[in-house]
Amino acid sequence: MAATRQRGRPAAARLGLGIDVGGTGVKAALVDLSTGDLLSTRVREKTPSPATPELVIDIIVGVVARVEAERPISGDVPVGCGLPGVVKDGRVLTAANIDKAWAGVSAEELVGAALGGRRVHALNDADAAGLAEMRFGAGRGKAGTVLLLTIGTGIGSALFADGHLMRNTEFGHIEYRGKDVELRLSGAARERRGLTWAKWAAEFNIFLAQLERWFWPDQIIIGGGVSKAIDKYINLLQSRAPIVPAQFRNTAGIIGAALAAHEVTAPIEGRAGRLARPAQRSTTTEPSAPPKPAAASSG
């Protein structure tokens, strides 16, 4: 017999703590894992410069303390942490928009120890954002191939096939005119280069065309900091697939990190945006990013 909810007493929320480390800000909040709603203030501090592991950890401890001061967090609440780089088995393998000293560091061990021995699950920050959008946001219920691009300090990516995440795609590092595409077309790069939205969109469309030739996505979701101004450029973007704004904008990484941490301890079958991890880390196999292509046409 199905359990019944007592009248007048709301069901207890399933909680997760999400941490999102970005190139410009470190954010954290307590998340309702059943709805994606934030149950605390979204706390943000500026990413330190240099963004070494030691300095970033200090900021993480500070933002988590502020969340916990608002709402106590029990020791069994799962903790997820998104970072801008390739993350495998909790270890940061590349460092984009944070200090290169992160490369080779076990973020799970480092953050967990700093938070008093909590179990922490670390993953790529754009993958975390994608999980949130597929579970609760713009990609919810969408079959086929869904591509999320987060555009801010850099360009992050998350690719889903029928709701399953292909981890660590990092499409922001595809070569474009001799450099990583994020160095020319991220939100920060647009401002640095003084591009109008129209000129930026014209170049960004070349990048989109490359991705469409590889993956034929059924939907493209635009998130990250630049999504706040999406009304200024969405009609300038061109693709076969529908382009839609991310529903959660800059909170997606927090929500998705908390979701991922929960699913490591209690995998949810048959749900869009599912991230599964084999029980034995030594046998973990993950799809790799496609080989680096020749430079995209300059148009």
C-alpha atoms as a PDB file:
ATOM      1  CA  MET A   1       0.000   0.000   0.000  1.00  0.00           C
ATOM      2  CA  ALA A   2       1.324   3.417  -0.909  1.00  0.00           C
ATOM      3  CA  ALA A   3       2.307   5.627   1.992  1.00  0.00           C
ATOM      4  CA  THR A   4      -0.084   8.460   2.733  1.00  0.00           C
ATOM      5  CA  ARG A   5       0.869  11.961   3.750  1.00  0.00           C
ATOM      6  CA  GLN A   6      -0.479  13.085   7.114  1.00  0.00           C
ATOM      7  CA  ARG A   7      -2.979  15.885   6.786  1.00  0.00           C
ATOM      8  CA  GLY A   8      -1.602  19.263   7.754  1.00  0.00           C
ATOM      9  CA  ARG A   9       2.001  18.087   7.848  1.00  0.00           C
ATOM     10  CA  PRO A  10       4.088  18.697   4.705  1.00  0.00           C
ATOM     11  CA  ALA A  11       6.377  15.911   3.519  1.00  0.00           C
ATOM     12  CA  ALA A  12      10.013  16.408   4.413  1.00  0.00           C
ATOM     13  CA  ALA A  13      12.068  17.681   1.491  1.00  0.00           C
ATOM     14  CA  ARG A  14      14.966  15.647   0.141  1.00  0.00           C
ATOM     15  CA  LEU A  15      17.912  17.986   0.565  1.00  0.00           C
ATOM     16  CA  GLY A  16      21.220  18.454  -1.185  1.00  0.00           C
ATOM     17  CA  LEU A  17      23.943  21.066  -0.885  1.00  0.00           C
ATOM     18  CA  GLY A  18      25.196  22.390  -4.207  1.00  0.00           C
ATOM     19  CA  ILE A  19      28.489  24.254  -4.708  1.00  0.00           C
ATOM     20  CA  ASP A  20      29.370  25.868  -8.038  1.00  0.00           C
ATOM     21  CA  VAL A  21      32.950  27.034  -8.569  1.00  0.00           C
ATOM     22  CA  GLY A  22      33.277  29.363 -11.552  1.00  0.00           C
ATOM     23  CA  GLY A  23      35.843  31.673 -13.015  1.00  0.00           C
ATOM     24  CA  THR A  24      34.299  34.743 -11.403  1.00  0.00           C
ATOM     25  CA  GLY A  25      32.213  33.444  -8.506  1.00  0.00           C
ATOM     26  CA  VAL A  26      31.867  30.615  -5.992  1.00  0.00           C
ATOM     27  CA  LYS A  27      28.224  29.925  -5.166  1.00  0.00           C
ATOM     28  CA  ALA A  28      26.345  27.593  -2.840  1.00  0.00           C
ATOM     29  CA  ALA A  29      22.802  26.878  -1.705  1.00  0.00           C
ATOM     30  CA  LEU A  30      20.645  24.192  -0.154  1.00  0.00           C
ATOM     31  CA  VAL A  31      18.446  22.494  -2.763  1.00  0.00           C
ATOM     32  CA  ASP A  32      15.121  20.642  -2.642  1.00  0.00           C
ATOM     33  CA  LEU A  33      16.008  17.577  -4.717  1.00  0.00           C
ATOM     34  CA  SER A  34      12.358  16.850  -5.503  1.00  0.00           C
ATOM     35  CA  THR A  35      11.669  20.200  -7.175  1.00  0.00           C
ATOM     36  CA  GLY A  36      14.991  21.946  -7.845  1.00  0.00           C
ATOM     37  CA  ASP A  37      13.939  24.853  -5.641  1.00  0.00           C
ATOM     38  CA  LEU A  38      16.562  26.615  -3.543  1.00  0.00           C
ATOM     39  CA  LEU A  39      15.781  26.276   0.158  1.00  0.00           C
ATOM     40  CA  SER A  40      18.329  28.853   1.239  1.00  0.00           C
ATOM     41  CA  THR A  41      19.752  32.071  -0.057  1.00  0.00           C
ATOM     42  CA  ARG A  42      22.080  31.626  -3.028  1.00  0.00           C
ATOM     43  CA  VAL A  43      25.344  32.676  -1.408  1.00  0.00           C
ATOM     44  CA  ARG A  44      28.077  34.004  -3.677  1.00  0.00           C
ATOM     45  CA  GLU A  45      31.651  35.167  -3.166  1.00  0.00           C
ATOM     46  CA  LYS A  46      34.117  36.328  -5.780  1.00  0.00           C
ATOM     47  CA  THR A  47      36.521  33.670  -7.023  1.00  0.00           C
ATOM     48  CA  PRO A  48      39.958  34.506  -5.613  1.00  0.00           C
ATOM     49  CA  SER A  49      42.885  35.454  -7.809  1.00  0.00           C
ATOM     50  CA  PRO A  50      44.882  33.347  -8.183  1.00  0.00           C
ATOM     51  CA  ALA A  51      42.205  30.632  -7.916  1.00  0.00           C
ATOM     52  CA  THR A  52      44.511  28.065  -6.321  1.00  0.00           C
ATOM     53  CA  PRO A  53      43.021  25.062  -4.520  1.00  0.00           C
ATOM     54  CA  GLU A  54      43.902  26.519  -1.114  1.00  0.00           C
ATOM     55  CA  LEU A  55      42.309  29.912  -1.764  1.00  0.00           C
ATOM     56  CA  VAL A  56      39.206  28.471  -3.438  1.00  0.00           C
ATOM     57  CA  ILE A  57      38.719  26.017  -0.581  1.00  0.00           C
ATOM     58  CA  ASP A  58      38.725  28.930   1.866  1.00  0.00           C
ATOM     59  CA  ILE A  59      35.940  30.568  -0.137  1.00  0.00           C
ATOM     60  CA  ILE A  60      33.958  27.313  -0.336  1.00  0.00           C
ATOM     61  CA  VAL A  61      34.144  26.903   3.434  1.00  0.00           C
ATOM     62  CA  GLY A  62      32.929  30.482   3.844  1.00  0.00           C
ATOM     63  CA  VAL A  63      29.928  30.239   1.508  1.00  0.00           C
ATOM     64  CA  VAL A  64      28.861  26.888   2.981  1.00  0.00           C
ATOM     65  CA  ALA A  65      29.090  28.351   6.486  1.00  0.00           C
ATOM     66  CA  ARG A  66      26.764  31.174   5.420  1.00  0.00           C
ATOM     67  CA  VAL A  67      24.267  28.678   4.003  1.00  0.00           C
ATOM     68  CA  GLU A  68      24.434  26.601   7.173  1.00  0.00           C
ATOM     69  CA  ALA A  69      23.975  29.678   9.356  1.00  0.00           C
ATOM     70  CA  GLU A  70      20.670  30.263   7.590  1.00  0.00           C
ATOM     71  CA  ARG A  71      19.573  26.627   7.657  1.00  0.00           C
ATOM     72  CA  PRO A  72      21.451  23.888   9.530  1.00  0.00           C
ATOM     73  CA  ILE A  73      22.642  21.043   7.286  1.00  0.00           C
ATOM     74  CA  SER A  74      22.740  17.546   8.740  1.00  0.00           C
ATOM     75  CA  GLY A  75      25.732  15.319   8.124  1.00  0.00           C
ATOM     76  CA  ASP A  76      23.830  12.973   5.786  1.00  0.00           C
ATOM     77  CA  VAL A  77      22.909  15.696   3.277  1.00  0.00           C
ATOM     78  CA  PRO A  78      24.717  14.958  -0.017  1.00  0.00           C
ATOM     79  CA  VAL A  79      27.194  17.615  -1.154  1.00  0.00           C
ATOM     80  CA  GLY A  80      28.013  18.244  -4.813  1.00  0.00           C
ATOM     81  CA  CYS A  81      30.687  20.550  -6.194  1.00  0.00           C
ATOM     82  CA  GLY A  82      30.950  21.656  -9.825  1.00  0.00           C
ATOM     83  CA  LEU A  83      34.328  22.816 -11.157  1.00  0.00           C
ATOM     84  CA  PRO A  84      35.391  24.271 -14.525  1.00  0.00           C
ATOM     85  CA  GLY A  85      37.431  21.426 -15.947  1.00  0.00           C
ATOM     86  CA  VAL A  86      37.447  17.725 -16.702  1.00  0.00           C
ATOM     87  CA  VAL A  87      36.636  15.808 -13.503  1.00  0.00           C
ATOM     88  CA  LYS A  88      36.959  12.028 -13.274  1.00  0.00           C
ATOM     89  CA  ASP A  89      36.531   9.950 -10.142  1.00  0.00           C
ATOM     90  CA  GLY A  90      36.537  13.156  -8.132  1.00  0.00           C
ATOM     91  CA  ARG A  91      39.895  14.295  -9.471  1.00  0.00           C
ATOM     92  CA  VAL A  92      40.338  17.491 -11.510  1.00  0.00           C
ATOM     93  CA  LEU A  93      42.291  16.625 -14.666  1.00  0.00           C
ATOM     94  CA  THR A  94      42.203  20.005 -16.432  1.00  0.00           C
ATOM     95  CA  ALA A  95      41.757  23.500 -15.058  1.00  0.00           C
ATOM     96  CA  ALA A  96      39.918  26.120 -17.117  1.00  0.00           C
ATOM     97  CA  ASN A  97      39.412  29.592 -15.654  1.00  0.00           C
ATOM     98  CA  ILE A  98      40.893  28.477 -12.329  1.00  0.00           C
ATOM     99  CA  ASP A  99      44.526  28.057 -11.386  1.00  0.00           C
ATOM    100  CA  LYS A 100      46.438  25.258 -13.125  1.00  0.00           C
ATOM    101  CA  ALA A 101      47.441  23.958  -9.690  1.00  0.00           C
ATOM    102  CA  TRP A 102      44.027  22.244  -9.607  1.00  0.00           C
ATOM    103  CA  ALA A 103      45.137  19.740 -12.253  1.00  0.00           C
ATOM    104  CA  GLY A 104      45.613  16.365 -10.569  1.00  0.00           C
ATOM    105  CA  VAL A 105      43.929  17.403  -7.300  1.00  0.00           C
ATOM    106  CA  SER A 106      41.199  15.230  -5.758  1.00  0.00           C
ATOM    107  CA  ALA A 107      38.509  17.854  -5.304  1.00  0.00           C
ATOM    108  CA  GLU A 108      36.323  15.369  -3.454  1.00  0.00           C
ATOM    109  CA  GLU A 109      38.975  14.706  -0.833  1.00  0.00           C
ATOM    110  CA  LEU A 110      40.054  18.335  -0.519  1.00  0.00           C
ATOM    111  CA  VAL A 111      36.574  19.845  -0.259  1.00  0.00           C
ATOM    112  CA  GLY A 112      35.308  17.008   1.915  1.00  0.00           C
ATOM    113  CA  ALA A 113      38.112  17.434   4.431  1.00  0.00           C
ATOM    114  CA  ALA A 114      37.606  21.199   4.526  1.00  0.00           C
ATOM    115  CA  LEU A 115      33.896  20.681   5.248  1.00  0.00           C
ATOM    116  CA  GLY A 116      34.575  18.536   8.276  1.00  0.00           C
ATOM    117  CA  GLY A 117      34.772  15.154   6.630  1.00  0.00           C
ATOM    118  CA  ARG A 118      31.564  15.331   4.598  1.00  0.00           C
ATOM    119  CA  ARG A 119      31.264  13.077   1.579  1.00  0.00           C
ATOM    120  CA  VAL A 120      31.530  15.276  -1.524  1.00  0.00           C
ATOM    121  CA  HIS A 121      30.860  14.443  -5.169  1.00  0.00           C
ATOM    122  CA  ALA A 122      32.775  16.555  -7.697  1.00  0.00           C
ATOM    123  CA  LEU A 123      31.916  16.953 -11.388  1.00  0.00           C
ATOM    124  CA  ASN A 124      32.316  19.313 -14.313  1.00  0.00           C
ATOM    125  CA  ASP A 125      30.366  22.528 -13.728  1.00  0.00           C
ATOM    126  CA  ALA A 126      28.552  22.543 -17.087  1.00  0.00           C
ATOM    127  CA  ASP A 127      27.609  18.886 -16.623  1.00  0.00           C
ATOM    128  CA  ALA A 128      26.026  19.901 -13.320  1.00  0.00           C
ATOM    129  CA  ALA A 129      24.058  22.692 -15.002  1.00  0.00           C
ATOM    130  CA  GLY A 130      22.911  20.272 -17.671  1.00  0.00           C
ATOM    131  CA  LEU A 131      21.610  17.808 -15.086  1.00  0.00           C
ATOM    132  CA  ALA A 132      19.471  20.538 -13.538  1.00  0.00           C
ATOM    133  CA  GLU A 133      18.025  21.636 -16.866  1.00  0.00           C
ATOM    134  CA  MET A 134      17.252  18.075 -17.944  1.00  0.00           C
ATOM    135  CA  ARG A 135      15.601  17.152 -14.664  1.00  0.00           C
ATOM    136  CA  PHE A 136      13.615  20.289 -13.913  1.00  0.00           C
ATOM    137  CA  GLY A 137      14.224  22.909 -16.591  1.00  0.00           C
ATOM    138  CA  ALA A 138      14.372  23.595 -20.308  1.00  0.00           C
ATOM    139  CA  GLY A 139      15.314  20.027 -21.268  1.00  0.00           C
ATOM    140  CA  ARG A 140      12.786  18.233 -19.098  1.00  0.00           C
ATOM    141  CA  GLY A 141      11.097  15.406 -20.978  1.00  0.00           C
ATOM    142  CA  LYS A 142      13.129  16.049 -24.124  1.00  0.00           C
ATOM    143  CA  ALA A 143      14.161  12.883 -25.959  1.00  0.00           C
ATOM    144  CA  GLY A 144      17.006  12.553 -28.417  1.00  0.00           C
ATOM    145  CA  THR A 145      20.174  14.635 -28.249  1.00  0.00           C
ATOM    146  CA  VAL A 146      20.187  17.755 -26.111  1.00  0.00           C
ATOM    147  CA  LEU A 147      23.145  20.150 -25.951  1.00  0.00           C
ATOM    148  CA  LEU A 148      23.594  22.723 -23.197  1.00  0.00           C
ATOM    149  CA  LEU A 149      26.115  25.530 -23.635  1.00  0.00           C
ATOM    150  CA  THR A 150      26.992  27.725 -20.658  1.00  0.00           C
ATOM    151  CA  ILE A 151      28.452  31.034 -21.749  1.00  0.00           C
ATOM    152  CA  GLY A 152      30.148  33.247 -19.203  1.00  0.00           C
ATOM    153  CA  THR A 153      33.793  33.557 -18.204  1.00  0.00           C
ATOM    154  CA  GLY A 154      34.354  30.572 -20.509  1.00  0.00           C
ATOM    155  CA  ILE A 155      32.128  28.257 -22.520  1.00  0.00           C
ATOM    156  CA  GLY A 156      30.988  25.042 -20.884  1.00  0.00           C
ATOM    157  CA  SER A 157      29.018  22.212 -22.440  1.00  0.00           C
ATOM    158  CA  ALA A 158      26.839  19.275 -21.458  1.00  0.00           C
ATOM    159  CA  LEU A 159      25.627  16.679 -23.953  1.00  0.00           C
ATOM    160  CA  PHE A 160      22.726  14.286 -23.320  1.00  0.00           C
ATOM    161  CA  ALA A 161      21.547  11.302 -25.347  1.00  0.00           C
ATOM    162  CA  ASP A 162      18.021  10.283 -24.349  1.00  0.00           C
ATOM    163  CA  GLY A 163      18.540  11.818 -20.932  1.00  0.00           C
ATOM    164  CA  HIS A 164      21.939  10.256 -20.252  1.00  0.00           C
ATOM    165  CA  LEU A 165      24.895  12.551 -19.714  1.00  0.00           C
ATOM    166  CA  MET A 166      28.042  12.209 -21.818  1.00  0.00           C
ATOM    167  CA  ARG A 167      30.494  13.604 -19.280  1.00  0.00           C
ATOM    168  CA  ASN A 168      33.274  16.145 -19.670  1.00  0.00           C
ATOM    169  CA  THR A 169      32.687  17.222 -23.270  1.00  0.00           C
ATOM    170  CA  GLU A 170      34.339  20.634 -22.750  1.00  0.00           C
ATOM    171  CA  PHE A 171      33.390  21.986 -26.193  1.00  0.00           C
ATOM    172  CA  GLY A 172      34.634  25.424 -25.164  1.00  0.00           C
ATOM    173  CA  HIS A 173      38.124  24.151 -25.986  1.00  0.00           C
ATOM    174  CA  ILE A 174      37.412  23.371 -29.622  1.00  0.00           C
ATOM    175  CA  GLU A 175      39.804  25.318 -31.823  1.00  0.00           C
ATOM    176  CA  TYR A 176      38.395  28.428 -33.500  1.00  0.00           C
ATOM    177  CA  ARG A 177      40.660  30.753 -35.488  1.00  0.00           C
ATOM    178  CA  GLY A 178      43.752  29.358 -33.842  1.00  0.00           C
ATOM    179  CA  LYS A 179      42.562  29.502 -30.226  1.00  0.00           C
ATOM    180  CA  ASP A 180      40.133  27.768 -27.912  1.00  0.00           C
ATOM    181  CA  VAL A 181      36.684  28.986 -28.875  1.00  0.00           C
ATOM    182  CA  GLU A 182      35.983  30.260 -25.364  1.00  0.00           C
ATOM    183  CA  LEU A 183      38.917  32.657 -25.668  1.00  0.00           C
ATOM    184  CA  ARG A 184      37.115  34.335 -28.582  1.00  0.00           C
ATOM    185  CA  LEU A 185      33.397  33.795 -27.984  1.00  0.00           C
ATOM    186  CA  SER A 186      32.687  33.523 -24.261  1.00  0.00           C
ATOM    187  CA  GLY A 187      30.809  36.335 -22.572  1.00  0.00           C
ATOM    188  CA  ALA A 188      34.059  37.688 -21.154  1.00  0.00           C
ATOM    189  CA  ALA A 189      35.706  37.482 -24.592  1.00  0.00           C
ATOM    190  CA  ARG A 190      32.842  39.374 -26.245  1.00  0.00           C
ATOM    191  CA  GLU A 191      33.313  42.229 -23.815  1.00  0.00           C
ATOM    192  CA  ARG A 192      37.099  42.133 -24.114  1.00  0.00           C
ATOM    193  CA  ARG A 193      36.904  42.252 -27.923  1.00  0.00           C
ATOM    194  CA  GLY A 194      34.245  44.959 -27.908  1.00  0.00           C
ATOM    195  CA  LEU A 195      31.877  42.947 -30.117  1.00  0.00           C
ATOM    196  CA  THR A 196      28.279  43.974 -30.606  1.00  0.00           C
ATOM    197  CA  TRP A 197      25.718  41.239 -30.060  1.00  0.00           C
ATOM    198  CA  ALA A 198      25.228  40.988 -33.817  1.00  0.00           C
ATOM    199  CA  LYS A 199      28.955  40.511 -34.515  1.00  0.00           C
ATOM    200  CA  TRP A 200      29.306  38.071 -31.652  1.00  0.00           C
ATOM    201  CA  ALA A 201      26.302  36.040 -32.839  1.00  0.00           C
ATOM    202  CA  ALA A 202      27.666  35.879 -36.380  1.00  0.00           C
ATOM    203  CA  GLU A 203      30.843  34.241 -35.093  1.00  0.00           C
ATOM    204  CA  PHE A 204      29.021  32.098 -32.541  1.00  0.00           C
ATOM    205  CA  ASN A 205      26.897  30.668 -35.357  1.00  0.00           C
ATOM    206  CA  ILE A 206      30.073  29.212 -36.901  1.00  0.00           C
ATOM    207  CA  PHE A 207      30.705  27.387 -33.621  1.00  0.00           C
ATOM    208  CA  LEU A 208      27.092  26.163 -33.500  1.00  0.00           C
ATOM    209  CA  ALA A 209      27.337  24.889 -37.070  1.00  0.00           C
ATOM    210  CA  GLN A 210      30.395  22.828 -36.148  1.00  0.00           C
ATOM    211  CA  LEU A 211      28.593  21.238 -33.203  1.00  0.00           C
ATOM    212  CA  GLU A 212      25.531  20.525 -35.336  1.00  0.00           C
ATOM    213  CA  ARG A 213      27.625  18.750 -37.944  1.00  0.00           C
ATOM    214  CA  TRP A 214      28.997  16.453 -35.241  1.00  0.00           C
ATOM    215  CA  PHE A 215      25.961  15.729 -33.075  1.00  0.00           C
ATOM    216  CA  TRP A 216      22.731  16.792 -34.828  1.00  0.00           C
ATOM    217  CA  PRO A 217      21.152  17.953 -31.551  1.00  0.00           C
ATOM    218  CA  ASP A 218      17.381  18.003 -31.182  1.00  0.00           C
ATOM    219  CA  GLN A 219      17.545  20.966 -28.809  1.00  0.00           C
ATOM    220  CA  ILE A 220      20.184  23.518 -27.796  1.00  0.00           C
ATOM    221  CA  ILE A 221      19.946  25.192 -24.392  1.00  0.00           C
ATOM    222  CA  ILE A 222      21.845  28.423 -23.714  1.00  0.00           C
ATOM    223  CA  GLY A 223      22.803  29.050 -20.092  1.00  0.00           C
ATOM    224  CA  GLY A 224      25.479  30.783 -18.050  1.00  0.00           C
ATOM    225  CA  GLY A 225      25.894  34.483 -17.393  1.00  0.00           C
ATOM    226  CA  VAL A 226      25.202  35.520 -20.987  1.00  0.00           C
ATOM    227  CA  SER A 227      21.743  33.921 -20.800  1.00  0.00           C
ATOM    228  CA  LYS A 228      20.620  36.884 -18.687  1.00  0.00           C
ATOM    229  CA  ALA A 229      20.803  39.007 -21.855  1.00  0.00           C
ATOM    230  CA  ILE A 230      19.443  36.335 -24.201  1.00  0.00           C
ATOM    231  CA  ASP A 231      16.688  38.617 -25.542  1.00  0.00           C
ATOM    232  CA  LYS A 232      19.430  40.695 -27.167  1.00  0.00           C
ATOM    233  CA  TYR A 233      20.790  37.891 -29.330  1.00  0.00           C
ATOM    234  CA  ILE A 234      18.599  34.766 -29.414  1.00  0.00           C
ATOM    235  CA  ASN A 235      16.966  35.840 -32.682  1.00  0.00           C
ATOM    236  CA  LEU A 236      20.440  36.267 -34.192  1.00  0.00           C
ATOM    237  CA  LEU A 237      21.488  32.670 -33.551  1.00  0.00           C
ATOM    238  CA  GLN A 238      21.058  30.119 -36.318  1.00  0.00           C
ATOM    239  CA  SER A 239      20.716  26.354 -36.043  1.00  0.00           C
ATOM    240  CA  ARG A 240      18.614  23.477 -37.275  1.00  0.00           C
ATOM    241  CA  ALA A 241      17.715  22.612 -33.700  1.00  0.00           C
ATOM    242  CA  PRO A 242      15.489  24.861 -31.578  1.00  0.00           C
ATOM    243  CA  ILE A 243      17.511  27.165 -29.310  1.00  0.00           C
ATOM    244  CA  VAL A 244      15.982  27.896 -25.900  1.00  0.00           C
ATOM    245  CA  PRO A 245      17.219  29.735 -22.798  1.00  0.00           C
ATOM    246  CA  ALA A 246      18.135  27.773 -19.694  1.00  0.00           C
ATOM    247  CA  GLN A 247      15.392  27.943 -17.108  1.00  0.00           C
ATOM    248  CA  PHE A 248      17.694  28.181 -14.099  1.00  0.00           C
ATOM    249  CA  ARG A 249      20.298  30.518 -15.602  1.00  0.00           C
ATOM    250  CA  ASN A 250      23.089  30.953 -13.034  1.00  0.00           C
ATOM    251  CA  THR A 251      21.613  28.637 -10.384  1.00  0.00           C
ATOM    252  CA  ALA A 252      21.648  25.532 -12.600  1.00  0.00           C
ATOM    253  CA  GLY A 253      25.163  24.544 -11.533  1.00  0.00           C
ATOM    254  CA  ILE A 254      24.193  24.584  -7.856  1.00  0.00           C
ATOM    255  CA  ILE A 255      21.042  22.527  -8.422  1.00  0.00           C
ATOM    256  CA  GLY A 256      22.758  20.004 -10.668  1.00  0.00           C
ATOM    257  CA  ALA A 257      25.710  19.526  -8.322  1.00  0.00           C
ATOM    258  CA  ALA A 258      23.326  18.676  -5.495  1.00  0.00           C
ATOM    259  CA  LEU A 259      21.385  16.279  -7.755  1.00  0.00           C
ATOM    260  CA  ALA A 260      24.562  14.514  -8.882  1.00  0.00           C
ATOM    261  CA  ALA A 261      25.742  14.058  -5.299  1.00  0.00           C
ATOM    262  CA  HIS A 262      22.419  12.513  -4.358  1.00  0.00           C
ATOM    263  CA  GLU A 263      22.432  10.111  -7.289  1.00  0.00           C
ATOM    264  CA  VAL A 264      25.871   8.786  -6.415  1.00  0.00           C
ATOM    265  CA  THR A 265      24.453   7.476  -3.142  1.00  0.00           C
ATOM    266  CA  ALA A 266      20.904   6.720  -4.343  1.00  0.00           C
ATOM    267  CA  PRO A 267      20.716   6.390  -8.172  1.00  0.00           C
ATOM    268  CA  ILE A 268      17.345   7.271  -9.652  1.00  0.00           C
ATOM    269  CA  GLU A 269      16.381   5.000 -12.540  1.00  0.00           C
ATOM    270  CA  GLY A 270      14.394   6.156 -15.543  1.00  0.00           C
ATOM    271  CA  ARG A 271      14.668   9.881 -14.903  1.00  0.00           C
ATOM    272  CA  ALA A 272      15.841  12.451 -17.438  1.00  0.00           C
ATOM    273  CA  GLY A 273      19.240  13.857 -16.638  1.00  0.00           C
ATOM    274  CA  ARG A 274      20.379  10.717 -14.870  1.00  0.00           C
ATOM    275  CA  LEU A 275      24.038  10.471 -13.895  1.00  0.00           C
ATOM    276  CA  ALA A 276      25.099   6.998 -12.874  1.00  0.00           C
ATOM    277  CA  ARG A 277      28.461   5.927 -11.482  1.00  0.00           C
ATOM    278  CA  PRO A 278      29.685   2.317 -11.288  1.00  0.00           C
ATOM    279  CA  ALA A 279      30.203   1.026  -7.761  1.00  0.00           C
ATOM    280  CA  GLN A 280      33.888   0.250  -8.311  1.00  0.00           C
ATOM    281  CA  ARG A 281      35.868   3.320  -9.302  1.00  0.00           C
ATOM    282  CA  SER A 282      38.745   1.276 -10.632  1.00  0.00           C
ATOM    283  CA  THR A 283      36.508  -0.071 -13.418  1.00  0.00           C
ATOM    284  CA  THR A 284      34.807   3.205 -14.296  1.00  0.00           C
ATOM    285  CA  THR A 285      34.672   3.900 -17.998  1.00  0.00           C
ATOM    286  CA  GLU A 286      33.436   7.179 -19.372  1.00  0.00           C
ATOM    287  CA  PRO A 287      32.948   8.459 -22.925  1.00  0.00           C
ATOM    288  CA  SER A 288      35.664  10.836 -24.001  1.00  0.00           C
ATOM    289  CA  ALA A 289      35.297  14.094 -25.878  1.00  0.00           C
ATOM    290  CA  PRO A 290      35.587  13.923 -29.678  1.00  0.00           C
ATOM    291  CA  PRO A 291      39.043  14.458 -31.153  1.00  0.00           C
ATOM    292  CA  LYS A 292      40.113  18.051 -31.650  1.00  0.00           C
ATOM    293  CA  PRO A 293      39.019  19.079 -35.128  1.00  0.00           C
ATOM    294  CA  ALA A 294      40.668  21.332 -37.647  1.00  0.00           C
ATOM    295  CA  ALA A 295      40.002  25.007 -37.059  1.00  0.00           C
ATOM    296  CA  ALA A 296      36.448  26.056 -37.885  1.00  0.00           C
ATOM    297  CA  SER A 297      35.982  28.192 -40.934  1.00  0.00           C
ATOM    298  CA  SER A 298      36.374  31.876 -40.293  1.00  0.00           C
ATOM    299  CA  GLY A 299      33.297  32.537 -42.420  1.00  0.00           C
END
